[in-house]
Amino acid sequence: MALNLLDHAPDGAALARFELAILDDLGYGLDLTTCAVTGTSGDLTHVSPKSGRAVSRAAAQPYLDRLLPLPSFLAGRGNAAPSDIAAAFRLTGHFLQDHVWGPRELTPSPTHDILIGTLSRDHDN
């Protein structure tokens, strides 16, 4: 997947999926296939910041202030609007911070933040 990013114009959706793949390869993969509460696979709209598991719209309602939004394109629905790209990077950033950068006392490269900002703003799908 990383080589595909080099062959095409910068794509925020692809980079967000790449960050998810990195988390998965490092052993911190997110489960975005079924609801952590109900076990259903439909209408997944949020992710638990603790478990990294998806939560359905109905199950998320009482906990919206504690959950991370799941962009629809990462759940296999719809295209990636700029707001979805930004939400995807907030999601991956949370788990990268908790499992990769934070424990190693690293800060993300400013270039990473600039790229994320550009892709979140300019994505046109």
PDB file of N, CA and C in Angstrom:
ATOM      1  N   MET A   1       0.827  -1.186   0.000  1.00  0.00           N
ATOM      2  CA  MET A   1       0.000   0.000   0.000  1.00  0.00           C
ATOM      3  C   MET A   1       0.874   1.254   0.000  1.00  0.00           C
ATOM      4  N   ALA A   2       1.977   1.256   0.695  1.00  0.00           N
ATOM      5  CA  ALA A   2       2.826   2.444   0.771  1.00  0.00           C
ATOM      6  C   ALA A   2       3.337   2.838  -0.608  1.00  0.00           C
ATOM      7  N   LEU A   3       3.667   1.868  -1.433  1.00  0.00           N
ATOM      8  CA  LEU A   3       4.169   2.188  -2.762  1.00  0.00           C
ATOM      9  C   LEU A   3       3.090   2.822  -3.620  1.00  0.00           C
ATOM     10  N   ASN A   4       1.835   2.450  -3.431  1.00  0.00           N
ATOM     11  CA  ASN A   4       0.743   3.078  -4.172  1.00  0.00           C
ATOM     12  C   ASN A   4       0.673   4.565  -3.877  1.00  0.00           C
ATOM     13  N   LEU A   5       0.980   4.975  -2.656  1.00  0.00           N
ATOM     14  CA  LEU A   5       0.956   6.387  -2.307  1.00  0.00           C
ATOM     15  C   LEU A   5       2.008   7.164  -3.085  1.00  0.00           C
ATOM     16  N   LEU A   6       3.107   6.512  -3.430  1.00  0.00           N
ATOM     17  CA  LEU A   6       4.163   7.184  -4.162  1.00  0.00           C
ATOM     18  C   LEU A   6       3.826   7.346  -5.641  1.00  0.00           C
ATOM     19  N   ASP A   7       2.983   6.473  -6.180  1.00  0.00           N
ATOM     20  CA  ASP A   7       2.659   6.482  -7.600  1.00  0.00           C
ATOM     21  C   ASP A   7       1.519   7.410  -7.969  1.00  0.00           C
ATOM     22  N   HIS A   8       0.827   7.992  -6.985  1.00  0.00           N
ATOM     23  CA  HIS A   8      -0.343   8.806  -7.255  1.00  0.00           C
ATOM     24  C   HIS A   8      -0.232  10.153  -6.531  1.00  0.00           C
ATOM     25  N   ALA A   9      -1.104  11.067  -6.938  1.00  0.00           N
ATOM     26  CA  ALA A   9      -1.188  12.343  -6.218  1.00  0.00           C
ATOM     27  C   ALA A   9      -1.559  12.053  -4.765  1.00  0.00           C
ATOM     28  N   PRO A  10      -1.150  12.900  -3.839  1.00  0.00           N
ATOM     29  CA  PRO A  10      -1.470  12.681  -2.432  1.00  0.00           C
ATOM     30  C   PRO A  10      -2.977  12.501  -2.228  1.00  0.00           C
ATOM     31  N   ASP A  11      -3.316  11.485  -1.472  1.00  0.00           N
ATOM     32  CA  ASP A  11      -4.709  11.118  -1.242  1.00  0.00           C
ATOM     33  C   ASP A  11      -4.918  10.922   0.253  1.00  0.00           C
ATOM     34  N   GLY A  12      -5.734  11.786   0.859  1.00  0.00           N
ATOM     35  CA  GLY A  12      -5.959  11.717   2.299  1.00  0.00           C
ATOM     36  C   GLY A  12      -6.584  10.416   2.742  1.00  0.00           C
ATOM     37  N   ALA A  13      -7.529   9.885   1.969  1.00  0.00           N
ATOM     38  CA  ALA A  13      -8.176   8.620   2.338  1.00  0.00           C
ATOM     39  C   ALA A  13      -7.154   7.492   2.341  1.00  0.00           C
ATOM     40  N   ALA A  14      -6.290   7.461   1.320  1.00  0.00           N
ATOM     41  CA  ALA A  14      -5.266   6.414   1.249  1.00  0.00           C
ATOM     42  C   ALA A  14      -4.279   6.537   2.399  1.00  0.00           C
ATOM     43  N   LEU A  15      -3.883   7.762   2.738  1.00  0.00           N
ATOM     44  CA  LEU A  15      -2.933   7.940   3.838  1.00  0.00           C
ATOM     45  C   LEU A  15      -3.567   7.550   5.172  1.00  0.00           C
ATOM     46  N   ALA A  16      -4.834   7.863   5.363  1.00  0.00           N
ATOM     47  CA  ALA A  16      -5.517   7.456   6.599  1.00  0.00           C
ATOM     48  C   ALA A  16      -5.571   5.928   6.692  1.00  0.00           C
ATOM     49  N   ARG A  17      -5.880   5.279   5.574  1.00  0.00           N
ATOM     50  CA  ARG A  17      -5.890   3.802   5.572  1.00  0.00           C
ATOM     51  C   ARG A  17      -4.486   3.247   5.826  1.00  0.00           C
ATOM     52  N   PHE A  18      -3.486   3.936   5.299  1.00  0.00           N
ATOM     53  CA  PHE A  18      -2.104   3.530   5.530  1.00  0.00           C
ATOM     54  C   PHE A  18      -1.761   3.621   7.019  1.00  0.00           C
ATOM     55  N   GLU A  19      -2.168   4.710   7.670  1.00  0.00           N
ATOM     56  CA  GLU A  19      -1.920   4.835   9.113  1.00  0.00           C
ATOM     57  C   GLU A  19      -2.639   3.733   9.885  1.00  0.00           C
ATOM     58  N   LEU A  20      -3.855   3.366   9.459  1.00  0.00           N
ATOM     59  CA  LEU A  20      -4.559   2.240  10.086  1.00  0.00           C
ATOM     60  C   LEU A  20      -3.777   0.944   9.887  1.00  0.00           C
ATOM     61  N   ALA A  21      -3.219   0.762   8.688  1.00  0.00           N
ATOM     62  CA  ALA A  21      -2.425  -0.440   8.415  1.00  0.00           C
ATOM     63  C   ALA A  21      -1.162  -0.483   9.274  1.00  0.00           C
ATOM     64  N   ILE A  22      -0.540   0.670   9.471  1.00  0.00           N
ATOM     65  CA  ILE A  22       0.644   0.729  10.341  1.00  0.00           C
ATOM     66  C   ILE A  22       0.261   0.298  11.760  1.00  0.00           C
ATOM     67  N   LEU A  23      -0.841   0.851  12.272  1.00  0.00           N
ATOM     68  CA  LEU A  23      -1.295   0.457  13.611  1.00  0.00           C
ATOM     69  C   LEU A  23      -1.537  -1.043  13.680  1.00  0.00           C
ATOM     70  N   ASP A  24      -2.160  -1.591  12.637  1.00  0.00           N
ATOM     71  CA  ASP A  24      -2.429  -3.026  12.597  1.00  0.00           C
ATOM     72  C   ASP A  24      -1.127  -3.824  12.590  1.00  0.00           C
ATOM     73  N   ASP A  25      -0.179  -3.412  11.763  1.00  0.00           N
ATOM     74  CA  ASP A  25       1.105  -4.116  11.682  1.00  0.00           C
ATOM     75  C   ASP A  25       1.877  -4.064  12.996  1.00  0.00           C
ATOM     76  N   LEU A  26       1.671  -2.988  13.758  1.00  0.00           N
ATOM     77  CA  LEU A  26       2.356  -2.855  15.045  1.00  0.00           C
ATOM     78  C   LEU A  26       1.628  -3.585  16.178  1.00  0.00           C
ATOM     79  N   GLY A  27       0.477  -4.174  15.862  1.00  0.00           N
ATOM     80  CA  GLY A  27      -0.279  -4.917  16.867  1.00  0.00           C
ATOM     81  C   GLY A  27      -1.354  -4.107  17.567  1.00  0.00           C
ATOM     82  N   TYR A  28      -1.653  -2.918  17.050  1.00  0.00           N
ATOM     83  CA  TYR A  28      -2.657  -2.057  17.661  1.00  0.00           C
ATOM     84  C   TYR A  28      -3.817  -1.787  16.702  1.00  0.00           C
ATOM     85  N   GLY A  29      -4.127  -2.775  15.890  1.00  0.00           N
ATOM     86  CA  GLY A  29      -5.157  -2.602  14.879  1.00  0.00           C
ATOM     87  C   GLY A  29      -6.523  -2.317  15.474  1.00  0.00           C
ATOM     88  N   LEU A  30      -7.290  -1.527  14.742  1.00  0.00           N
ATOM     89  CA  LEU A  30      -8.644  -1.197  15.161  1.00  0.00           C
ATOM     90  C   LEU A  30      -9.604  -2.206  14.551  1.00  0.00           C
ATOM     91  N   ASP A  31     -10.672  -2.526  15.271  1.00  0.00           N
ATOM     92  CA  ASP A  31     -11.703  -3.415  14.746  1.00  0.00           C
ATOM     93  C   ASP A  31     -12.874  -2.542  14.324  1.00  0.00           C
ATOM     94  N   LEU A  32     -12.963  -2.284  13.037  1.00  0.00           N
ATOM     95  CA  LEU A  32     -14.008  -1.428  12.501  1.00  0.00           C
ATOM     96  C   LEU A  32     -15.081  -2.238  11.779  1.00  0.00           C
ATOM     97  N   THR A  33     -15.176  -3.528  12.092  1.00  0.00           N
ATOM     98  CA  THR A  33     -16.101  -4.406  11.379  1.00  0.00           C
ATOM     99  C   THR A  33     -17.401  -4.682  12.116  1.00  0.00           C
ATOM    100  N   THR A  34     -17.360  -4.712  13.444  1.00  0.00           N
ATOM    101  CA  THR A  34     -18.569  -4.997  14.222  1.00  0.00           C
ATOM    102  C   THR A  34     -18.628  -4.106  15.452  1.00  0.00           C
ATOM    103  N   CYS A  35     -19.836  -3.898  15.927  1.00  0.00           N
ATOM    104  CA  CYS A  35     -20.051  -3.060  17.109  1.00  0.00           C
ATOM    105  C   CYS A  35     -19.553  -3.776  18.360  1.00  0.00           C
ATOM    106  N   ALA A  36     -18.781  -3.076  19.152  1.00  0.00           N
ATOM    107  CA  ALA A  36     -18.253  -3.637  20.399  1.00  0.00           C
ATOM    108  C   ALA A  36     -19.360  -3.936  21.400  1.00  0.00           C
ATOM    109  N   VAL A  37     -20.496  -3.251  21.288  1.00  0.00           N
ATOM    110  CA  VAL A  37     -21.587  -3.402  22.250  1.00  0.00           C
ATOM    111  C   VAL A  37     -22.604  -4.433  21.796  1.00  0.00           C
ATOM    112  N   THR A  38     -23.031  -4.343  20.530  1.00  0.00           N
ATOM    113  CA  THR A  38     -24.131  -5.191  20.054  1.00  0.00           C
ATOM    114  C   THR A  38     -23.687  -6.354  19.188  1.00  0.00           C
ATOM    115  N   GLY A  39     -22.478  -6.276  18.634  1.00  0.00           N
ATOM    116  CA  GLY A  39     -22.002  -7.316  17.734  1.00  0.00           C
ATOM    117  C   GLY A  39     -22.506  -7.167  16.304  1.00  0.00           C
ATOM    118  N   THR A  40     -23.313  -6.162  16.035  1.00  0.00           N
ATOM    119  CA  THR A  40     -23.833  -5.955  14.689  1.00  0.00           C
ATOM    120  C   THR A  40     -22.769  -5.305  13.808  1.00  0.00           C
ATOM    121  N   SER A  41     -22.961  -5.448  12.498  1.00  0.00           N
ATOM    122  CA  SER A  41     -21.976  -4.867  11.583  1.00  0.00           C
ATOM    123  C   SER A  41     -22.523  -3.663  10.830  1.00  0.00           C
ATOM    124  N   GLY A  42     -23.752  -3.279  11.105  1.00  0.00           N
ATOM    125  CA  GLY A  42     -24.342  -2.161  10.390  1.00  0.00           C
ATOM    126  C   GLY A  42     -24.346  -0.870  11.179  1.00  0.00           C
ATOM    127  N   ASP A  43     -24.375   0.240  10.457  1.00  0.00           N
ATOM    128  CA  ASP A  43     -24.492   1.581  11.015  1.00  0.00           C
ATOM    129  C   ASP A  43     -23.425   1.884  12.070  1.00  0.00           C
ATOM    130  N   LEU A  44     -22.187   1.549  11.759  1.00  0.00           N
ATOM    131  CA  LEU A  44     -21.066   1.822  12.666  1.00  0.00           C
ATOM    132  C   LEU A  44     -20.648   3.274  12.490  1.00  0.00           C
ATOM    133  N   THR A  45     -20.690   4.043  13.569  1.00  0.00           N
ATOM    134  CA  THR A  45     -20.471   5.492  13.464  1.00  0.00           C
ATOM    135  C   THR A  45     -19.389   6.030  14.385  1.00  0.00           C
ATOM    136  N   HIS A  46     -18.933   5.235  15.339  1.00  0.00           N
ATOM    137  CA  HIS A  46     -17.958   5.712  16.323  1.00  0.00           C
ATOM    138  C   HIS A  46     -16.964   4.611  16.659  1.00  0.00           C
ATOM    139  N   VAL A  47     -15.901   5.012  17.366  1.00  0.00           N
ATOM    140  CA  VAL A  47     -14.865   4.072  17.805  1.00  0.00           C
ATOM    141  C   VAL A  47     -14.560   4.364  19.265  1.00  0.00           C
ATOM    142  N   SER A  48     -14.428   3.300  20.047  1.00  0.00           N
ATOM    143  CA  SER A  48     -14.034   3.453  21.440  1.00  0.00           C
ATOM    144  C   SER A  48     -12.558   3.848  21.493  1.00  0.00           C
ATOM    145  N   PRO A  49     -12.223   4.948  22.174  1.00  0.00           N
ATOM    146  CA  PRO A  49     -10.818   5.348  22.262  1.00  0.00           C
ATOM    147  C   PRO A  49      -9.985   4.414  23.140  1.00  0.00           C
ATOM    148  N   LYS A  50     -10.650   3.575  23.908  1.00  0.00           N
ATOM    149  CA  LYS A  50      -9.919   2.634  24.761  1.00  0.00           C
ATOM    150  C   LYS A  50      -9.677   1.316  24.044  1.00  0.00           C
ATOM    151  N   SER A  51     -10.738   0.730  23.473  1.00  0.00           N
ATOM    152  CA  SER A  51     -10.607  -0.601  22.875  1.00  0.00           C
ATOM    153  C   SER A  51     -10.240  -0.568  21.400  1.00  0.00           C
ATOM    154  N   GLY A  52     -10.494   0.551  20.715  1.00  0.00           N
ATOM    155  CA  GLY A  52     -10.251   0.603  19.284  1.00  0.00           C
ATOM    156  C   GLY A  52     -11.290  -0.163  18.488  1.00  0.00           C
ATOM    157  N   ARG A  53     -12.439  -0.405  19.090  1.00  0.00           N
ATOM    158  CA  ARG A  53     -13.511  -1.138  18.405  1.00  0.00           C
ATOM    159  C   ARG A  53     -14.622  -0.186  17.988  1.00  0.00           C
ATOM    160  N   ALA A  54     -15.261  -0.509  16.890  1.00  0.00           N
ATOM    161  CA  ALA A  54     -16.361   0.293  16.373  1.00  0.00           C
ATOM    162  C   ALA A  54     -17.577   0.175  17.286  1.00  0.00           C
ATOM    163  N   VAL A  55     -18.433   1.196  17.206  1.00  0.00           N
ATOM    164  CA  VAL A  55     -19.683   1.230  17.968  1.00  0.00           C
ATOM    165  C   VAL A  55     -20.780   1.712  17.022  1.00  0.00           C
ATOM    166  N   SER A  56     -21.937   1.061  17.081  1.00  0.00           N
ATOM    167  CA  SER A  56     -23.047   1.443  16.209  1.00  0.00           C
ATOM    168  C   SER A  56     -23.684   2.739  16.691  1.00  0.00           C
ATOM    169  N   ARG A  57     -24.432   3.366  15.805  1.00  0.00           N
ATOM    170  CA  ARG A  57     -25.081   4.639  16.110  1.00  0.00           C
ATOM    171  C   ARG A  57     -25.957   4.529  17.361  1.00  0.00           C
ATOM    172  N   ALA A  58     -26.782   3.499  17.425  1.00  0.00           N
ATOM    173  CA  ALA A  58     -27.695   3.351  18.561  1.00  0.00           C
ATOM    174  C   ALA A  58     -26.933   3.133  19.873  1.00  0.00           C
ATOM    175  N   ALA A  59     -25.924   2.281  19.848  1.00  0.00           N
ATOM    176  CA  ALA A  59     -25.164   1.989  21.062  1.00  0.00           C
ATOM    177  C   ALA A  59     -24.291   3.171  21.479  1.00  0.00           C
ATOM    178  N   ALA A  60     -23.925   4.017  20.522  1.00  0.00           N
ATOM    179  CA  ALA A  60     -23.043   5.151  20.825  1.00  0.00           C
ATOM    180  C   ALA A  60     -23.764   6.305  21.502  1.00  0.00           C
ATOM    181  N   GLN A  61     -25.067   6.418  21.319  1.00  0.00           N
ATOM    182  CA  GLN A  61     -25.806   7.594  21.780  1.00  0.00           C
ATOM    183  C   GLN A  61     -25.496   8.026  23.216  1.00  0.00           C
ATOM    184  N   PRO A  62     -25.503   7.137  24.189  1.00  0.00           N
ATOM    185  CA  PRO A  62     -25.234   7.598  25.562  1.00  0.00           C
ATOM    186  C   PRO A  62     -23.778   8.007  25.818  1.00  0.00           C
ATOM    187  N   TYR A  63     -22.890   7.692  24.888  1.00  0.00           N
ATOM    188  CA  TYR A  63     -21.455   7.894  25.119  1.00  0.00           C
ATOM    189  C   TYR A  63     -20.794   8.795  24.085  1.00  0.00           C
ATOM    190  N   LEU A  64     -21.564   9.570  23.354  1.00  0.00           N
ATOM    191  CA  LEU A  64     -21.012  10.371  22.262  1.00  0.00           C
ATOM    192  C   LEU A  64     -19.858  11.268  22.695  1.00  0.00           C
ATOM    193  N   ASP A  65     -19.902  11.774  23.914  1.00  0.00           N
ATOM    194  CA  ASP A  65     -18.835  12.666  24.386  1.00  0.00           C
ATOM    195  C   ASP A  65     -17.532  11.928  24.665  1.00  0.00           C
ATOM    196  N   ARG A  66     -17.584  10.601  24.706  1.00  0.00           N
ATOM    197  CA  ARG A  66     -16.384   9.814  25.006  1.00  0.00           C
ATOM    198  C   ARG A  66     -15.869   9.000  23.825  1.00  0.00           C
ATOM    199  N   LEU A  67     -16.589   9.017  22.709  1.00  0.00           N
ATOM    200  CA  LEU A  67     -16.221   8.207  21.555  1.00  0.00           C
ATOM    201  C   LEU A  67     -15.631   9.069  20.445  1.00  0.00           C
ATOM    202  N   LEU A  68     -14.863   8.436  19.583  1.00  0.00           N
ATOM    203  CA  LEU A  68     -14.291   9.101  18.409  1.00  0.00           C
ATOM    204  C   LEU A  68     -15.184   8.814  17.204  1.00  0.00           C
ATOM    205  N   PRO A  69     -15.475   9.817  16.390  1.00  0.00           N
ATOM    206  CA  PRO A  69     -16.272   9.577  15.191  1.00  0.00           C
ATOM    207  C   PRO A  69     -15.551   8.632  14.232  1.00  0.00           C
ATOM    208  N   LEU A  70     -16.310   7.739  13.622  1.00  0.00           N
ATOM    209  CA  LEU A  70     -15.786   6.834  12.599  1.00  0.00           C
ATOM    210  C   LEU A  70     -16.213   7.377  11.239  1.00  0.00           C
ATOM    211  N   PRO A  71     -15.278   7.887  10.454  1.00  0.00           N
ATOM    212  CA  PRO A  71     -15.635   8.399   9.133  1.00  0.00           C
ATOM    213  C   PRO A  71     -16.261   7.286   8.291  1.00  0.00           C
ATOM    214  N   SER A  72     -17.299   7.635   7.568  1.00  0.00           N
ATOM    215  CA  SER A  72     -18.050   6.630   6.824  1.00  0.00           C
ATOM    216  C   SER A  72     -17.182   5.884   5.817  1.00  0.00           C
ATOM    217  N   PHE A  73     -16.209   6.555   5.195  1.00  0.00           N
ATOM    218  CA  PHE A  73     -15.389   5.863   4.200  1.00  0.00           C
ATOM    219  C   PHE A  73     -14.528   4.771   4.829  1.00  0.00           C
ATOM    220  N   LEU A  74     -14.184   4.901   6.109  1.00  0.00           N
ATOM    221  CA  LEU A  74     -13.419   3.846   6.780  1.00  0.00           C
ATOM    222  C   LEU A  74     -14.307   2.671   7.174  1.00  0.00           C
ATOM    223  N   ALA A  75     -15.603   2.915   7.233  1.00  0.00           N
ATOM    224  CA  ALA A  75     -16.560   1.848   7.531  1.00  0.00           C
ATOM    225  C   ALA A  75     -17.124   1.243   6.247  1.00  0.00           C
ATOM    226  N   GLY A  76     -16.553   1.640   5.098  1.00  0.00           N
ATOM    227  CA  GLY A  76     -16.978   1.083   3.829  1.00  0.00           C
ATOM    228  C   GLY A  76     -18.205   1.731   3.223  1.00  0.00           C
ATOM    229  N   ARG A  77     -18.545   2.936   3.704  1.00  0.00           N
ATOM    230  CA  ARG A  77     -19.718   3.623   3.168  1.00  0.00           C
ATOM    231  C   ARG A  77     -19.310   4.991   2.648  1.00  0.00           C
ATOM    232  N   GLY A  78     -19.660   5.280   1.426  1.00  0.00           N
ATOM    233  CA  GLY A  78     -19.508   6.629   0.890  1.00  0.00           C
ATOM    234  C   GLY A  78     -18.088   7.038   0.558  1.00  0.00           C
ATOM    235  N   ASN A  79     -18.011   8.246   0.029  1.00  0.00           N
ATOM    236  CA  ASN A  79     -16.734   8.853  -0.339  1.00  0.00           C
ATOM    237  C   ASN A  79     -16.179   9.641   0.842  1.00  0.00           C
ATOM    238  N   ALA A  80     -14.951  10.048   0.703  1.00  0.00           N
ATOM    239  CA  ALA A  80     -14.271  10.775   1.768  1.00  0.00           C
ATOM    240  C   ALA A  80     -14.327  12.277   1.514  1.00  0.00           C
ATOM    241  N   ALA A  81     -15.186  12.970   2.221  1.00  0.00           N
ATOM    242  CA  ALA A  81     -15.242  14.434   2.183  1.00  0.00           C
ATOM    243  C   ALA A  81     -14.106  14.983   3.047  1.00  0.00           C
ATOM    244  N   PRO A  82     -13.742  16.253   2.885  1.00  0.00           N
ATOM    245  CA  PRO A  82     -12.661  16.817   3.710  1.00  0.00           C
ATOM    246  C   PRO A  82     -12.900  16.623   5.211  1.00  0.00           C
ATOM    247  N   SER A  83     -14.134  16.758   5.672  1.00  0.00           N
ATOM    248  CA  SER A  83     -14.401  16.555   7.103  1.00  0.00           C
ATOM    249  C   SER A  83     -14.165  15.101   7.510  1.00  0.00           C
ATOM    250  N   ASP A  84     -14.426  14.159   6.601  1.00  0.00           N
ATOM    251  CA  ASP A  84     -14.164  12.747   6.880  1.00  0.00           C
ATOM    252  C   ASP A  84     -12.671  12.466   6.964  1.00  0.00           C
ATOM    253  N   ILE A  85     -11.913  13.098   6.083  1.00  0.00           N
ATOM    254  CA  ILE A  85     -10.457  12.935   6.102  1.00  0.00           C
ATOM    255  C   ILE A  85      -9.911  13.467   7.424  1.00  0.00           C
ATOM    256  N   ALA A  86     -10.367  14.631   7.836  1.00  0.00           N
ATOM    257  CA  ALA A  86      -9.908  15.214   9.104  1.00  0.00           C
ATOM    258  C   ALA A  86     -10.274  14.293  10.268  1.00  0.00           C
ATOM    259  N   ALA A  87     -11.488  13.756  10.268  1.00  0.00           N
ATOM    260  CA  ALA A  87     -11.915  12.835  11.341  1.00  0.00           C
ATOM    261  C   ALA A  87     -11.084  11.560  11.329  1.00  0.00           C
ATOM    262  N   ALA A  88     -10.738  11.088  10.148  1.00  0.00           N
ATOM    263  CA  ALA A  88      -9.914   9.874  10.056  1.00  0.00           C
ATOM    264  C   ALA A  88      -8.549  10.097  10.679  1.00  0.00           C
ATOM    265  N   PHE A  89      -7.962  11.277  10.430  1.00  0.00           N
ATOM    266  CA  PHE A  89      -6.651  11.556  11.014  1.00  0.00           C
ATOM    267  C   PHE A  89      -6.732  11.824  12.514  1.00  0.00           C
ATOM    268  N   ARG A  90      -7.851  12.352  13.000  1.00  0.00           N
ATOM    269  CA  ARG A  90      -8.028  12.462  14.459  1.00  0.00           C
ATOM    270  C   ARG A  90      -8.078  11.063  15.066  1.00  0.00           C
ATOM    271  N   LEU A  91      -8.754  10.147  14.371  1.00  0.00           N
ATOM    272  CA  LEU A  91      -8.864   8.768  14.840  1.00  0.00           C
ATOM    273  C   LEU A  91      -7.499   8.082  14.849  1.00  0.00           C
ATOM    274  N   THR A  92      -6.809   8.091  13.712  1.00  0.00           N
ATOM    275  CA  THR A  92      -5.505   7.428  13.670  1.00  0.00           C
ATOM    276  C   THR A  92      -4.509   8.133  14.586  1.00  0.00           C
ATOM    277  N   GLY A  93      -4.590   9.466  14.644  1.00  0.00           N
ATOM    278  CA  GLY A  93      -3.689  10.220  15.511  1.00  0.00           C
ATOM    279  C   GLY A  93      -3.845   9.860  16.971  1.00  0.00           C
ATOM    280  N   HIS A  94      -5.090   9.638  17.402  1.00  0.00           N
ATOM    281  CA  HIS A  94      -5.333   9.247  18.792  1.00  0.00           C
ATOM    282  C   HIS A  94      -4.588   7.952  19.119  1.00  0.00           C
ATOM    283  N   PHE A  95      -4.743   6.953  18.250  1.00  0.00           N
ATOM    284  CA  PHE A  95      -4.130   5.655  18.532  1.00  0.00           C
ATOM    285  C   PHE A  95      -2.622   5.658  18.285  1.00  0.00           C
ATOM    286  N   LEU A  96      -2.157   6.421  17.321  1.00  0.00           N
ATOM    287  CA  LEU A  96      -0.708   6.559  17.154  1.00  0.00           C
ATOM    288  C   LEU A  96      -0.093   7.224  18.386  1.00  0.00           C
ATOM    289  N   GLN A  97      -0.758   8.249  18.909  1.00  0.00           N
ATOM    290  CA  GLN A  97      -0.259   8.923  20.108  1.00  0.00           C
ATOM    291  C   GLN A  97      -0.241   7.964  21.299  1.00  0.00           C
ATOM    292  N   ASP A  98      -1.330   7.239  21.496  1.00  0.00           N
ATOM    293  CA  ASP A  98      -1.427   6.336  22.653  1.00  0.00           C
ATOM    294  C   ASP A  98      -0.478   5.146  22.590  1.00  0.00           C
ATOM    295  N   HIS A  99      -0.246   4.622  21.391  1.00  0.00           N
ATOM    296  CA  HIS A  99       0.501   3.368  21.289  1.00  0.00           C
ATOM    297  C   HIS A  99       1.888   3.483  20.669  1.00  0.00           C
ATOM    298  N   VAL A 100       2.140   4.555  19.946  1.00  0.00           N
ATOM    299  CA  VAL A 100       3.421   4.661  19.246  1.00  0.00           C
ATOM    300  C   VAL A 100       4.213   5.873  19.737  1.00  0.00           C
ATOM    301  N   TRP A 101       3.679   7.055  19.528  1.00  0.00           N
ATOM    302  CA  TRP A 101       4.436   8.258  19.856  1.00  0.00           C
ATOM    303  C   TRP A 101       4.556   8.479  21.360  1.00  0.00           C
ATOM    304  N   GLY A 102       3.461   8.432  22.078  1.00  0.00           N
ATOM    305  CA  GLY A 102       3.457   8.709  23.515  1.00  0.00           C
ATOM    306  C   GLY A 102       4.389   7.825  24.317  1.00  0.00           C
ATOM    307  N   PRO A 103       4.256   6.497  24.193  1.00  0.00           N
ATOM    308  CA  PRO A 103       5.127   5.616  24.980  1.00  0.00           C
ATOM    309  C   PRO A 103       6.616   5.793  24.685  1.00  0.00           C
ATOM    310  N   ARG A 104       6.926   6.283  23.499  1.00  0.00           N
ATOM    311  CA  ARG A 104       8.322   6.476  23.125  1.00  0.00           C
ATOM    312  C   ARG A 104       8.769   7.930  23.307  1.00  0.00           C
ATOM    313  N   GLU A 105       7.867   8.730  23.861  1.00  0.00           N
ATOM    314  CA  GLU A 105       8.122  10.157  24.082  1.00  0.00           C
ATOM    315  C   GLU A 105       8.557  10.857  22.798  1.00  0.00           C
ATOM    316  N   LEU A 106       7.839  10.545  21.714  1.00  0.00           N
ATOM    317  CA  LEU A 106       8.085  11.153  20.415  1.00  0.00           C
ATOM    318  C   LEU A 106       6.985  12.160  20.106  1.00  0.00           C
ATOM    319  N   THR A 107       7.305  13.122  19.294  1.00  0.00           N
ATOM    320  CA  THR A 107       6.274  14.024  18.777  1.00  0.00           C
ATOM    321  C   THR A 107       6.201  13.808  17.271  1.00  0.00           C
ATOM    322  N   PRO A 108       4.993  13.857  16.723  1.00  0.00           N
ATOM    323  CA  PRO A 108       4.881  13.691  15.269  1.00  0.00           C
ATOM    324  C   PRO A 108       5.650  14.799  14.558  1.00  0.00           C
ATOM    325  N   SER A 109       6.163  14.484  13.423  1.00  0.00           N
ATOM    326  CA  SER A 109       6.889  15.459  12.618  1.00  0.00           C
ATOM    327  C   SER A 109       5.963  16.600  12.214  1.00  0.00           C
ATOM    328  N   PRO A 110       6.454  17.831  12.244  1.00  0.00           N
ATOM    329  CA  PRO A 110       5.634  18.947  11.756  1.00  0.00           C
ATOM    330  C   PRO A 110       5.206  18.736  10.302  1.00  0.00           C
ATOM    331  N   THR A 111       6.035  18.040   9.535  1.00  0.00           N
ATOM    332  CA  THR A 111       5.697  17.742   8.147  1.00  0.00           C
ATOM    333  C   THR A 111       4.445  16.869   8.089  1.00  0.00           C
ATOM    334  N   HIS A 112       4.335  15.945   9.016  1.00  0.00           N
ATOM    335  CA  HIS A 112       3.145  15.089   9.091  1.00  0.00           C
ATOM    336  C   HIS A 112       1.904  15.940   9.313  1.00  0.00           C
ATOM    337  N   ASP A 113       1.972  16.852  10.248  1.00  0.00           N
ATOM    338  CA  ASP A 113       0.823  17.713  10.546  1.00  0.00           C
ATOM    339  C   ASP A 113       0.470  18.600   9.357  1.00  0.00           C
ATOM    340  N   ILE A 114       1.449  19.105   8.661  1.00  0.00           N
ATOM    341  CA  ILE A 114       1.204  19.938   7.483  1.00  0.00           C
ATOM    342  C   ILE A 114       0.543  19.108   6.381  1.00  0.00           C
ATOM    343  N   LEU A 115       1.050  17.901   6.160  1.00  0.00           N
ATOM    344  CA  LEU A 115       0.475  17.016   5.151  1.00  0.00           C
ATOM    345  C   LEU A 115      -0.967  16.670   5.491  1.00  0.00           C
ATOM    346  N   ILE A 116      -1.223  16.348   6.751  1.00  0.00           N
ATOM    347  CA  ILE A 116      -2.576  16.020   7.191  1.00  0.00           C
ATOM    348  C   ILE A 116      -3.509  17.215   6.966  1.00  0.00           C
ATOM    349  N   GLY A 117      -3.057  18.399   7.332  1.00  0.00           N
ATOM    350  CA  GLY A 117      -3.868  19.595   7.130  1.00  0.00           C
ATOM    351  C   GLY A 117      -4.182  19.836   5.671  1.00  0.00           C
ATOM    352  N   THR A 118      -3.192  19.656   4.828  1.00  0.00           N
ATOM    353  CA  THR A 118      -3.380  19.853   3.394  1.00  0.00           C
ATOM    354  C   THR A 118      -4.338  18.819   2.818  1.00  0.00           C
ATOM    355  N   LEU A 119      -4.150  17.571   3.156  1.00  0.00           N
ATOM    356  CA  LEU A 119      -5.011  16.511   2.624  1.00  0.00           C
ATOM    357  C   LEU A 119      -6.436  16.613   3.159  1.00  0.00           C
ATOM    358  N   SER A 120      -6.593  17.048   4.381  1.00  0.00           N
ATOM    359  CA  SER A 120      -7.939  17.201   4.972  1.00  0.00           C
ATOM    360  C   SER A 120      -8.681  18.342   4.299  1.00  0.00           C
ATOM    361  N   ARG A 121      -7.985  19.331   3.887  1.00  0.00           N
ATOM    362  CA  ARG A 121      -8.598  20.522   3.291  1.00  0.00           C
ATOM    363  C   ARG A 121      -8.828  20.357   1.795  1.00  0.00           C
ATOM    364  N   ASP A 122      -7.899  19.709   1.107  1.00  0.00           N
ATOM    365  CA  ASP A 122      -7.935  19.698  -0.344  1.00  0.00           C
ATOM    366  C   ASP A 122      -8.504  18.435  -0.979  1.00  0.00           C
ATOM    367  N   HIS A 123      -8.848  17.459  -0.175  1.00  0.00           N
ATOM    368  CA  HIS A 123      -9.361  16.209  -0.741  1.00  0.00           C
ATOM    369  C   HIS A 123     -10.661  16.467  -1.491  1.00  0.00           C
ATOM    370  N   ASP A 124     -10.778  15.975  -2.707  1.00  0.00           N
ATOM    371  CA  ASP A 124     -11.950  16.305  -3.503  1.00  0.00           C
ATOM    372  C   ASP A 124     -12.790  15.119  -3.925  1.00  0.00           C
ATOM    373  N   ASN A 125     -12.778  14.041  -3.211  1.00  0.00           N
ATOM    374  CA  ASN A 125     -13.658  12.908  -3.541  1.00  0.00           C
ATOM    375  C   ASN A 125     -14.993  13.043  -2.895  1.00  0.00           C
TER     376      ASN A 125
END
